[in-house]
Amino acid sequence: MEKTPNESKAEVIIRMFPSDANPAGNVFGGAILKHIDMVAGIVAQRYSQSNAVTVSMDKISFLKPVFVGNVLFVNARVNYVQKSSMEIEVNVEAEDIA
């Protein structure tokens, strides 16, 4: 039985470590993209109850730097579904919990 989009949403909380940093000392954008892809994949699999792969990502904007020690809140949900594809919206917020 297929889940509704609301039942398929997910939130993951992740701490950023020195291994996530770029040479400037901020968190590398690729590390953030990895977490975006992971959470989107969880949502896609929860919705479809099948394997899913990422075909593309679009409209990605890094508005502020993320720093080592920050916590990322990665939220994802299904926006749109077709026969063999779906659109997953992912939002990321960083918080300094120190």
C-alpha atoms as a PDB file:
ATOM      1  CA  MET A   1       0.000   0.000   0.000  1.00  0.00           C
ATOM      2  CA  GLU A   2       1.395   3.357  -1.038  1.00  0.00           C
ATOM      3  CA  LYS A   3       1.880   6.020   1.617  1.00  0.00           C
ATOM      4  CA  THR A   4       0.608   9.553   1.299  1.00  0.00           C
ATOM      5  CA  PRO A   5       3.184  12.303   0.748  1.00  0.00           C
ATOM      6  CA  ASN A   6       2.637  13.526   4.318  1.00  0.00           C
ATOM      7  CA  GLU A   7       3.376  10.048   5.720  1.00  0.00           C
ATOM      8  CA  SER A   8       6.626   9.929   3.750  1.00  0.00           C
ATOM      9  CA  LYS A   9       8.284  13.087   5.053  1.00  0.00           C
ATOM     10  CA  ALA A  10      11.517  12.862   7.029  1.00  0.00           C
ATOM     11  CA  GLU A  11      13.741  15.003   9.221  1.00  0.00           C
ATOM     12  CA  VAL A  12      17.335  14.156  10.036  1.00  0.00           C
ATOM     13  CA  ILE A  13      19.548  16.073  12.461  1.00  0.00           C
ATOM     14  CA  ILE A  14      23.282  15.941  11.757  1.00  0.00           C
ATOM     15  CA  ARG A  15      26.273  17.514  13.513  1.00  0.00           C
ATOM     16  CA  MET A  16      29.010  18.932  11.273  1.00  0.00           C
ATOM     17  CA  PHE A  17      32.550  17.751  12.057  1.00  0.00           C
ATOM     18  CA  PRO A  18      36.052  18.911  11.043  1.00  0.00           C
ATOM     19  CA  SER A  19      36.062  16.177   8.387  1.00  0.00           C
ATOM     20  CA  ASP A  20      33.188  18.094   6.694  1.00  0.00           C
ATOM     21  CA  ALA A  21      35.224  21.323   6.394  1.00  0.00           C
ATOM     22  CA  ASN A  22      36.682  22.897   3.272  1.00  0.00           C
ATOM     23  CA  PRO A  23      40.086  24.683   3.254  1.00  0.00           C
ATOM     24  CA  ALA A  24      38.382  27.930   4.370  1.00  0.00           C
ATOM     25  CA  GLY A  25      37.130  26.219   7.544  1.00  0.00           C
ATOM     26  CA  ASN A  26      33.447  26.258   6.577  1.00  0.00           C
ATOM     27  CA  VAL A  27      31.487  23.098   5.893  1.00  0.00           C
ATOM     28  CA  PHE A  28      32.063  21.909   2.321  1.00  0.00           C
ATOM     29  CA  GLY A  29      28.936  22.278   0.178  1.00  0.00           C
ATOM     30  CA  GLY A  30      29.375  18.725  -1.070  1.00  0.00           C
ATOM     31  CA  ALA A  31      29.004  17.426   2.488  1.00  0.00           C
ATOM     32  CA  ILE A  32      25.663  19.216   2.751  1.00  0.00           C
ATOM     33  CA  LEU A  33      24.579  17.892  -0.662  1.00  0.00           C
ATOM     34  CA  LYS A  34      25.394  14.346   0.495  1.00  0.00           C
ATOM     35  CA  HIS A  35      22.967  14.746   3.410  1.00  0.00           C
ATOM     36  CA  ILE A  36      20.323  16.300   1.150  1.00  0.00           C
ATOM     37  CA  ASP A  37      20.556  13.304  -1.191  1.00  0.00           C
ATOM     38  CA  MET A  38      20.408  10.835   1.700  1.00  0.00           C
ATOM     39  CA  VAL A  39      17.242  12.331   3.222  1.00  0.00           C
ATOM     40  CA  ALA A  40      15.557  12.732  -0.182  1.00  0.00           C
ATOM     41  CA  GLY A  41      16.289   9.057  -0.831  1.00  0.00           C
ATOM     42  CA  ILE A  42      14.702   8.064   2.468  1.00  0.00           C
ATOM     43  CA  VAL A  43      11.547   9.998   1.588  1.00  0.00           C
ATOM     44  CA  ALA A  44      11.412   8.538  -1.931  1.00  0.00           C
ATOM     45  CA  GLN A  45      11.759   4.988  -0.612  1.00  0.00           C
ATOM     46  CA  ARG A  46       9.202   5.545   2.140  1.00  0.00           C
ATOM     47  CA  TYR A  47       6.716   6.852  -0.416  1.00  0.00           C
ATOM     48  CA  SER A  48       7.278   4.301  -3.181  1.00  0.00           C
ATOM     49  CA  GLN A  49       8.223   1.364  -0.927  1.00  0.00           C
ATOM     50  CA  SER A  50      10.829   0.541  -3.559  1.00  0.00           C
ATOM     51  CA  ASN A  51      14.388   1.464  -4.463  1.00  0.00           C
ATOM     52  CA  ALA A  52      14.926   4.999  -5.726  1.00  0.00           C
ATOM     53  CA  VAL A  53      17.799   6.870  -7.342  1.00  0.00           C
ATOM     54  CA  THR A  54      18.580  10.568  -7.665  1.00  0.00           C
ATOM     55  CA  VAL A  55      18.396  11.747 -11.269  1.00  0.00           C
ATOM     56  CA  SER A  56      18.926  15.469 -10.696  1.00  0.00           C
ATOM     57  CA  MET A  57      19.002  18.265  -8.160  1.00  0.00           C
ATOM     58  CA  ASP A  58      17.960  21.804  -8.976  1.00  0.00           C
ATOM     59  CA  LYS A  59      17.455  25.207  -7.373  1.00  0.00           C
ATOM     60  CA  ILE A  60      20.157  24.734  -4.768  1.00  0.00           C
ATOM     61  CA  SER A  61      21.192  27.930  -2.977  1.00  0.00           C
ATOM     62  CA  PHE A  62      23.680  28.172  -0.140  1.00  0.00           C
ATOM     63  CA  LEU A  63      22.464  31.316   1.634  1.00  0.00           C
ATOM     64  CA  LYS A  64      24.833  31.338   4.614  1.00  0.00           C
ATOM     65  CA  PRO A  65      27.976  29.451   5.569  1.00  0.00           C
ATOM     66  CA  VAL A  66      27.686  26.423   7.825  1.00  0.00           C
ATOM     67  CA  PHE A  67      30.430  25.960  10.392  1.00  0.00           C
ATOM     68  CA  VAL A  68      32.043  22.963  12.015  1.00  0.00           C
ATOM     69  CA  GLY A  69      30.085  22.218  15.198  1.00  0.00           C
ATOM     70  CA  ASN A  70      26.790  23.442  13.736  1.00  0.00           C
ATOM     71  CA  VAL A  71      23.841  21.075  13.609  1.00  0.00           C
ATOM     72  CA  LEU A  72      21.956  20.647  10.338  1.00  0.00           C
ATOM     73  CA  PHE A  73      18.210  20.072  10.299  1.00  0.00           C
ATOM     74  CA  VAL A  74      17.436  18.407   6.968  1.00  0.00           C
ATOM     75  CA  ASN A  75      13.701  18.184   6.181  1.00  0.00           C
ATOM     76  CA  ALA A  76      12.293  16.506   3.077  1.00  0.00           C
ATOM     77  CA  ARG A  77       8.858  15.805   1.665  1.00  0.00           C
ATOM     78  CA  VAL A  78       7.226  14.610  -1.543  1.00  0.00           C
ATOM     79  CA  ASN A  79       5.961  17.493  -3.687  1.00  0.00           C
ATOM     80  CA  TYR A  80       4.905  15.793  -6.887  1.00  0.00           C
ATOM     81  CA  VAL A  81       4.570  12.238  -8.194  1.00  0.00           C
ATOM     82  CA  GLN A  82       4.358  10.818 -11.713  1.00  0.00           C
ATOM     83  CA  LYS A  83       4.292   7.200 -12.875  1.00  0.00           C
ATOM     84  CA  SER A  84       8.047   6.623 -12.604  1.00  0.00           C
ATOM     85  CA  SER A  85       9.402   9.787 -11.000  1.00  0.00           C
ATOM     86  CA  MET A  86       8.793  12.155  -8.132  1.00  0.00           C
ATOM     87  CA  GLU A  87       9.948  15.526  -6.883  1.00  0.00           C
ATOM     88  CA  ILE A  88      11.264  15.736  -3.340  1.00  0.00           C
ATOM     89  CA  GLU A  89      11.633  19.135  -1.654  1.00  0.00           C
ATOM     90  CA  VAL A  90      14.483  19.367   0.833  1.00  0.00           C
ATOM     91  CA  ASN A  91      15.137  22.277   3.189  1.00  0.00           C
ATOM     92  CA  VAL A  92      18.233  22.612   5.331  1.00  0.00           C
ATOM     93  CA  GLU A  93      18.772  24.885   8.313  1.00  0.00           C
ATOM     94  CA  ALA A  94      21.899  25.143  10.425  1.00  0.00           C
ATOM     95  CA  GLU A  95      22.021  26.007  14.111  1.00  0.00           C
ATOM     96  CA  ASP A  96      24.929  26.799  16.390  1.00  0.00           C
ATOM     97  CA  ILE A  97      23.991  24.850  19.504  1.00  0.00           C
ATOM     98  CA  ALA A  98      27.084  25.835  21.490  1.00  0.00           C
END
